[in-house]
PDB file of N, CA and C in Angstrom:
ATOM      1  N   MET A   1      86.379  96.662  86.080  1.00  0.00           N
ATOM      2  CA  MET A   1      86.021  98.026  86.823  1.00  0.00           C
ATOM      3  C   MET A   1      87.056  98.253  87.563  1.00  0.00           C
ATOM      4  N   PRO A   2      87.892  99.367  87.487  1.00  0.00           N
ATOM      5  CA  PRO A   2      89.320  99.593  88.671  1.00  0.00           C
ATOM      6  C   PRO A   2      88.818  99.274  89.793  1.00  0.00           C
ATOM      7  N   THR A   3      89.497  99.131  90.715  1.00  0.00           N
ATOM      8  CA  THR A   3      89.284  99.412  92.358  1.00  0.00           C
ATOM      9  C   THR A   3      89.902 100.328  92.838  1.00  0.00           C
ATOM     10  N   PRO A   4      89.104 101.501  93.705  1.00  0.00           N
ATOM     11  CA  PRO A   4      89.538 102.437  94.324  1.00  0.00           C
ATOM     12  C   PRO A   4      91.041 101.920  94.968  1.00  0.00           C
ATOM     13  N   ASN A   5      91.967 103.153  95.448  1.00  0.00           N
ATOM     14  CA  ASN A   5      93.335 103.136  95.801  1.00  0.00           C
ATOM     15  C   ASN A   5      92.802 102.868  97.074  1.00  0.00           C
ATOM     16  N   LEU A   6      92.982 101.517  98.299  1.00  0.00           N
ATOM     17  CA  LEU A   6      92.952 101.743  99.308  1.00  0.00           C
ATOM     18  C   LEU A   6      94.458 101.860  99.918  1.00  0.00           C
ATOM     19  N   THR A   7      95.094 102.290  99.897  1.00  0.00           N
ATOM     20  CA  THR A   7      96.433 102.322 100.267  1.00  0.00           C
ATOM     21  C   THR A   7      96.417 103.829 100.938  1.00  0.00           C
ATOM     22  N   PRO A   8      97.048 103.813 101.788  1.00  0.00           N
ATOM     23  CA  PRO A   8      97.635 105.314 102.580  1.00  0.00           C
ATOM     24  C   PRO A   8      98.382 106.344 101.790  1.00  0.00           C
ATOM     25  N   ASP A   9      98.269 106.028 100.541  1.00  0.00           N
ATOM     26  CA  ASP A   9      98.610 107.656  99.614  1.00  0.00           C
ATOM     27  C   ASP A   9      98.022 108.714  99.800  1.00  0.00           C
ATOM     28  N   LYS A  10      98.335 109.714 100.266  1.00  0.00           N
ATOM     29  CA  LYS A  10      97.568 111.067 100.385  1.00  0.00           C
ATOM     30  C   LYS A  10      96.879 111.621  99.283  1.00  0.00           C
ATOM     31  N   ALA A  11      97.657 111.262  97.956  1.00  0.00           N
ATOM     32  CA  ALA A  11      97.066 112.264  96.612  1.00  0.00           C
ATOM     33  C   ALA A  11      95.957 111.441  96.097  1.00  0.00           C
ATOM     34  N   THR A  12      96.113 110.040  95.731  1.00  0.00           N
ATOM     35  CA  THR A  12      95.211 109.092  95.457  1.00  0.00           C
ATOM     36  C   THR A  12      94.560 107.988  96.406  1.00  0.00           C
ATOM     37  N   GLY A  13      94.945 107.739  97.668  1.00  0.00           N
ATOM     38  CA  GLY A  13      94.345 106.753  98.310  1.00  0.00           C
ATOM     39  C   GLY A  13      93.503 107.314  99.374  1.00  0.00           C
ATOM     40  N   ILE A  14      93.318 106.747 100.846  1.00  0.00           N
ATOM     41  CA  ILE A  14      92.787 107.293 101.685  1.00  0.00           C
ATOM     42  C   ILE A  14      93.526 107.694 102.757  1.00  0.00           C
ATOM     43  N   GLY A  15      95.057 108.175 102.278  1.00  0.00           N
ATOM     44  CA  GLY A  15      95.808 108.642 103.218  1.00  0.00           C
ATOM     45  C   GLY A  15      95.213 110.047 104.056  1.00  0.00           C
ATOM     46  N   ASN A  16      94.359 110.497 103.525  1.00  0.00           N
ATOM     47  CA  ASN A  16      93.628 111.771 104.132  1.00  0.00           C
ATOM     48  C   ASN A  16      92.534 111.704 104.886  1.00  0.00           C
ATOM     49  N   TRP A  17      92.238 110.178 105.045  1.00  0.00           N
ATOM     50  CA  TRP A  17      91.164 110.003 105.745  1.00  0.00           C
ATOM     51  C   TRP A  17      91.266 110.112 107.089  1.00  0.00           C
ATOM     52  N   SER A  18      90.116 110.395 107.775  1.00  0.00           N
ATOM     53  CA  SER A  18      90.392 110.220 109.289  1.00  0.00           C
ATOM     54  C   SER A  18      90.252 108.832 109.593  1.00  0.00           C
ATOM     55  N   GLU A  19      90.055 108.149 110.930  1.00  0.00           N
ATOM     56  CA  GLU A  19      89.686 106.835 111.324  1.00  0.00           C
ATOM     57  C   GLU A  19      88.159 106.803 111.291  1.00  0.00           C
ATOM     58  N   GLU A  20      88.159 107.740 111.969  1.00  0.00           N
ATOM     59  CA  GLU A  20      86.167 108.064 112.089  1.00  0.00           C
ATOM     60  C   GLU A  20      85.593 108.230 110.906  1.00  0.00           C
ATOM     61  N   LYS A  21      86.143 108.942 109.608  1.00  0.00           N
ATOM     62  CA  LYS A  21      85.678 109.065 108.316  1.00  0.00           C
ATOM     63  C   LYS A  21      85.563 107.491 107.909  1.00  0.00           C
ATOM     64  N   PHE A  22      86.316 106.653 107.789  1.00  0.00           N
ATOM     65  CA  PHE A  22      86.470 105.798 107.389  1.00  0.00           C
ATOM     66  C   PHE A  22      85.691 104.207 107.543  1.00  0.00           C
ATOM     67  N   VAL A  23      85.632 104.541 109.298  1.00  0.00           N
ATOM     68  CA  VAL A  23      84.860 103.553 110.224  1.00  0.00           C
ATOM     69  C   VAL A  23      83.325 104.255 109.484  1.00  0.00           C
ATOM     70  N   LYS A  24      82.760 105.054 109.457  1.00  0.00           N
ATOM     71  CA  LYS A  24      81.621 105.373 108.857  1.00  0.00           C
ATOM     72  C   LYS A  24      81.329 105.107 107.462  1.00  0.00           C
ATOM     73  N   ALA A  25      82.241 105.409 106.474  1.00  0.00           N
ATOM     74  CA  ALA A  25      82.267 104.852 105.171  1.00  0.00           C
ATOM     75  C   ALA A  25      81.901 103.057 104.909  1.00  0.00           C
ATOM     76  N   LEU A  26      82.755 102.673 105.828  1.00  0.00           N
ATOM     77  CA  LEU A  26      83.025 101.423 105.621  1.00  0.00           C
ATOM     78  C   LEU A  26      81.535 100.622 106.472  1.00  0.00           C
ATOM     79  N   LYS A  27      80.980 101.450 107.343  1.00  0.00           N
ATOM     80  CA  LYS A  27      79.764 100.696 107.834  1.00  0.00           C
ATOM     81  C   LYS A  27      78.362 100.946 107.374  1.00  0.00           C
ATOM     82  N   SER A  28      78.594 102.837 106.667  1.00  0.00           N
ATOM     83  CA  SER A  28      77.057 102.841 106.236  1.00  0.00           C
ATOM     84  C   SER A  28      77.355 103.287 104.439  1.00  0.00           C
ATOM     85  N   GLY A  29      78.723 103.096 104.181  1.00  0.00           N
ATOM     86  CA  GLY A  29      78.928 103.574 102.788  1.00  0.00           C
ATOM     87  C   GLY A  29      78.646 104.996 102.291  1.00  0.00           C
ATOM     88  N   ILE A  30      78.442 105.548 103.475  1.00  0.00           N
ATOM     89  CA  ILE A  30      78.403 107.275 103.021  1.00  0.00           C
ATOM     90  C   ILE A  30      79.504 107.910 103.802  1.00  0.00           C
ATOM     91  N   LYS A  31      80.203 108.723 102.576  1.00  0.00           N
ATOM     92  CA  LYS A  31      81.464 109.531 103.091  1.00  0.00           C
ATOM     93  C   LYS A  31      81.225 111.104 102.642  1.00  0.00           C
ATOM     94  N   ASP A  32      81.222 112.100 103.351  1.00  0.00           N
ATOM     95  CA  ASP A  32      80.772 113.366 103.109  1.00  0.00           C
ATOM     96  C   ASP A  32      79.676 113.759 102.352  1.00  0.00           C
ATOM     97  N   GLY A  33      78.538 113.123 102.779  1.00  0.00           N
ATOM     98  CA  GLY A  33      77.095 113.268 102.117  1.00  0.00           C
ATOM     99  C   GLY A  33      76.976 112.161 100.751  1.00  0.00           C
ATOM    100  N   GLU A  34      77.920 111.588 100.465  1.00  0.00           N
ATOM    101  CA  GLU A  34      77.928 110.895  99.261  1.00  0.00           C
ATOM    102  C   GLU A  34      78.364 109.291  99.270  1.00  0.00           C
ATOM    103  N   ALA A  35      77.839 108.572  98.251  1.00  0.00           N
ATOM    104  CA  ALA A  35      77.880 107.216  98.088  1.00  0.00           C
ATOM    105  C   ALA A  35      79.850 107.111  98.375  1.00  0.00           C
ATOM    106  N   ALA A  36      80.585 106.490  99.133  1.00  0.00           N
ATOM    107  CA  ALA A  36      81.829 105.831  99.509  1.00  0.00           C
ATOM    108  C   ALA A  36      82.016 104.463  98.891  1.00  0.00           C
ATOM    109  N   LEU A  37      80.893 103.764  98.417  1.00  0.00           N
ATOM    110  CA  LEU A  37      81.415 102.249  98.016  1.00  0.00           C
ATOM    111  C   LEU A  37      80.662 102.070  96.787  1.00  0.00           C
ATOM    112  N   ARG A  38      81.394 101.477  95.945  1.00  0.00           N
ATOM    113  CA  ARG A  38      80.538 101.050  94.830  1.00  0.00           C
ATOM    114  C   ARG A  38      81.039  99.339  94.608  1.00  0.00           C
ATOM    115  N   TYR A  39      79.909  98.686  94.069  1.00  0.00           N
ATOM    116  CA  TYR A  39      79.921  97.489  93.669  1.00  0.00           C
ATOM    117  C   TYR A  39      81.487  97.269  93.156  1.00  0.00           C
ATOM    118  N   PRO A  40      81.740  95.718  93.779  1.00  0.00           N
ATOM    119  CA  PRO A  40      81.123  94.622  94.619  1.00  0.00           C
ATOM    120  C   PRO A  40      81.099  95.090  96.011  1.00  0.00           C
ATOM    121  N   MET A  41      81.967  96.018  96.630  1.00  0.00           N
ATOM    122  CA  MET A  41      82.185  96.418  97.930  1.00  0.00           C
ATOM    123  C   MET A  41      80.595  96.840  98.273  1.00  0.00           C
ATOM    124  N   LYS A  42      80.293  96.324  99.566  1.00  0.00           N
ATOM    125  CA  LYS A  42      79.011  96.800 100.512  1.00  0.00           C
ATOM    126  C   LYS A  42      79.503  97.123 101.416  1.00  0.00           C
ATOM    127  N   PRO A  43      77.911  98.182 101.814  1.00  0.00           N
ATOM    128  CA  PRO A  43      78.592  98.525 103.470  1.00  0.00           C
ATOM    129  C   PRO A  43      78.109  97.266 104.425  1.00  0.00           C
ATOM    130  N   TYR A  44      79.390  97.750 105.361  1.00  0.00           N
ATOM    131  CA  TYR A  44      78.945  96.014 106.487  1.00  0.00           C
ATOM    132  C   TYR A  44      78.733  96.668 107.786  1.00  0.00           C
ATOM    133  N   PRO A  45      77.492  97.127 107.969  1.00  0.00           N
ATOM    134  CA  PRO A  45      77.110  97.774 109.298  1.00  0.00           C
ATOM    135  C   PRO A  45      77.156  96.699 110.595  1.00  0.00           C
ATOM    136  N   GLU A  46      77.436  95.573 110.469  1.00  0.00           N
ATOM    137  CA  GLU A  46      77.326  94.713 111.168  1.00  0.00           C
ATOM    138  C   GLU A  46      78.703  94.449 111.788  1.00  0.00           C
ATOM    139  N   LEU A  47      79.593  95.311 111.423  1.00  0.00           N
ATOM    140  CA  LEU A  47      80.925  95.418 112.315  1.00  0.00           C
ATOM    141  C   LEU A  47      80.796  96.555 113.178  1.00  0.00           C
ATOM    142  N   THR A  48      81.937  96.050 113.832  1.00  0.00           N
ATOM    143  CA  THR A  48      81.541  96.650 115.556  1.00  0.00           C
ATOM    144  C   THR A  48      82.609  98.009 114.797  1.00  0.00           C
ATOM    145  N   ASP A  49      82.742  99.324 115.567  1.00  0.00           N
ATOM    146  CA  ASP A  49      83.623 100.047 115.426  1.00  0.00           C
ATOM    147  C   ASP A  49      85.417  99.736 115.870  1.00  0.00           C
ATOM    148  N   LYS A  50      85.244  98.671 116.690  1.00  0.00           N
ATOM    149  CA  LYS A  50      86.651  98.462 116.744  1.00  0.00           C
ATOM    150  C   LYS A  50      86.986  97.651 115.698  1.00  0.00           C
ATOM    151  N   GLU A  51      86.550  96.960 115.215  1.00  0.00           N
ATOM    152  CA  GLU A  51      86.706  95.851 113.908  1.00  0.00           C
ATOM    153  C   GLU A  51      86.959  96.629 112.632  1.00  0.00           C
ATOM    154  N   ALA A  52      86.076  97.620 112.517  1.00  0.00           N
ATOM    155  CA  ALA A  52      86.443  98.394 111.196  1.00  0.00           C
ATOM    156  C   ALA A  52      87.593  99.576 111.145  1.00  0.00           C
ATOM    157  N   ALA A  53      88.057  99.816 113.108  1.00  0.00           N
ATOM    158  CA  ALA A  53      89.254 100.769 113.185  1.00  0.00           C
ATOM    159  C   ALA A  53      90.376  99.926 113.048  1.00  0.00           C
ATOM    160  N   ALA A  54      89.950  98.348 112.900  1.00  0.00           N
ATOM    161  CA  ALA A  54      91.482  97.576 112.915  1.00  0.00           C
ATOM    162  C   ALA A  54      91.553  97.387 111.539  1.00  0.00           C
ATOM    163  N   ILE A  55      90.731  97.536 110.651  1.00  0.00           N
ATOM    164  CA  ILE A  55      90.832  97.141 109.357  1.00  0.00           C
ATOM    165  C   ILE A  55      91.453  98.929 108.526  1.00  0.00           C
ATOM    166  N   TYR A  56      91.016  99.748 109.337  1.00  0.00           N
ATOM    167  CA  TYR A  56      91.707 101.187 108.956  1.00  0.00           C
ATOM    168  C   TYR A  56      93.349 101.072 109.429  1.00  0.00           C
ATOM    169  N   LYS A  57      93.499 100.528 110.817  1.00  0.00           N
ATOM    170  CA  LYS A  57      95.183 100.809 111.375  1.00  0.00           C
ATOM    171  C   LYS A  57      95.505  99.683 110.031  1.00  0.00           C
ATOM    172  N   TYR A  58      95.412  98.582 109.530  1.00  0.00           N
ATOM    173  CA  TYR A  58      96.027  97.809 108.875  1.00  0.00           C
ATOM    174  C   TYR A  58      96.163  98.506 107.779  1.00  0.00           C
ATOM    175  N   LEU A  59      95.220  99.010 106.748  1.00  0.00           N
ATOM    176  CA  LEU A  59      95.527  99.627 105.311  1.00  0.00           C
ATOM    177  C   LEU A  59      96.414 100.556 105.794  1.00  0.00           C
ATOM    178  N   MET A  60      96.270 101.466 106.715  1.00  0.00           N
ATOM    179  CA  MET A  60      97.496 102.599 106.936  1.00  0.00           C
ATOM    180  C   MET A  60      98.864 102.085 107.441  1.00  0.00           C
ATOM    181  N   SER A  61      98.516 100.759 107.709  1.00  0.00           N
ATOM    182  CA  SER A  61     100.226 100.257 107.773  1.00  0.00           C
ATOM    183  C   SER A  61     100.869  99.452 106.508  1.00  0.00           C
ATOM    184  N   ILE A  62      99.979  99.812 104.974  1.00  0.00           N
ATOM    185  CA  ILE A  62     100.847  98.774 104.018  1.00  0.00           C
ATOM    186  C   ILE A  62     101.558 100.325 103.204  1.00  0.00           C
ATOM    187  N   PRO A  63     102.457  99.543 102.504  1.00  0.00           N
ATOM    188  CA  PRO A  63     103.068 100.908 101.298  1.00  0.00           C
ATOM    189  C   PRO A  63     101.832 101.473 100.887  1.00  0.00           C
ATOM    190  N   SER A  64     102.307 103.013 101.021  1.00  0.00           N
ATOM    191  CA  SER A  64     101.499 103.634  99.510  1.00  0.00           C
ATOM    192  C   SER A  64     101.925 103.448  98.619  1.00  0.00           C
ATOM    193  N   ILE A  65     100.820 103.162  97.566  1.00  0.00           N
ATOM    194  CA  ILE A  65     101.268 103.501  96.061  1.00  0.00           C
ATOM    195  C   ILE A  65     100.395 104.298  95.526  1.00  0.00           C
ATOM    196  N   SER A  66     100.834 105.401  94.559  1.00  0.00           N
ATOM    197  CA  SER A  66      99.935 106.312  93.943  1.00  0.00           C
ATOM    198  C   SER A  66      99.653 105.747  92.693  1.00  0.00           C
ATOM    199  N   ASN A  67      98.082 105.910  92.924  1.00  0.00           N
ATOM    200  CA  ASN A  67      97.420 105.038  91.975  1.00  0.00           C
ATOM    201  C   ASN A  67      95.964 105.915  91.557  1.00  0.00           C
ATOM    202  N   LYS A  68      95.532 107.020  91.020  1.00  0.00           N
ATOM    203  CA  LYS A  68      94.625 107.159  90.657  1.00  0.00           C
ATOM    204  C   LYS A  68      93.483 106.431  90.111  1.00  0.00           C
ATOM    205  N   VAL A  69      92.373 106.469  90.859  1.00  0.00           N
ATOM    206  CA  VAL A  69      91.248 105.375  90.218  1.00  0.00           C
ATOM    207  C   VAL A  69      90.344 106.706  89.953  1.00  0.00           C
ATOM    208  N   GLU A  70      89.658 107.300  88.751  1.00  0.00           N
ATOM    209  CA  GLU A  70      88.721 107.964  88.662  1.00  0.00           C
ATOM    210  C   GLU A  70      87.125 107.297  89.131  1.00  0.00           C
ATOM    211  N   ARG A  71      86.581 107.789  90.145  1.00  0.00           N
ATOM    212  CA  ARG A  71      85.223 107.802  90.616  1.00  0.00           C
ATOM    213  C   ARG A  71      84.383 107.375  90.116  1.00  0.00           C
ATOM    214  N   ASN A  72      83.623 106.507  89.709  1.00  0.00           N
ATOM    215  CA  ASN A  72      82.288 106.620  88.672  1.00  0.00           C
ATOM    216  C   ASN A  72      81.596 105.935  89.792  1.00  0.00           C
ATOM    217  N   LEU A  73      80.411 106.543  90.241  1.00  0.00           N
ATOM    218  CA  LEU A  73      79.567 105.961  91.356  1.00  0.00           C
ATOM    219  C   LEU A  73      77.923 105.600  91.080  1.00  0.00           C
ATOM    220  N   THR A  74      77.999 105.540  89.624  1.00  0.00           N
ATOM    221  CA  THR A  74      76.979 105.355  88.936  1.00  0.00           C
ATOM    222  C   THR A  74      76.862 103.745  89.204  1.00  0.00           C
ATOM    223  N   PRO A  75      75.707 103.263  89.473  1.00  0.00           N
ATOM    224  CA  PRO A  75      75.075 101.884  89.648  1.00  0.00           C
ATOM    225  C   PRO A  75      75.781 101.217  88.337  1.00  0.00           C
ATOM    226  N   GLN A  76      76.408 100.034  88.526  1.00  0.00           N
ATOM    227  CA  GLN A  76      76.796  99.190  87.637  1.00  0.00           C
ATOM    228  C   GLN A  76      75.938  98.091  87.523  1.00  0.00           C
TER     229      GLN A  76
END
């Protein structure tokens, strides 16, 4: 199962996500009214906003990689 691109690539990764959108998706599993995560990733509501923001900041610091991954959000 391909893993979504979590690099800051603007075309195929999370480079266009705001910190607020990332934190919400990581904690709730929802992005723009639809599922943002899929197995084996799960929501982490126990994270504080500060912890989730730190993960976002780290991911935004790694090199961008262009790697389009088709999203299939049907249950696996």
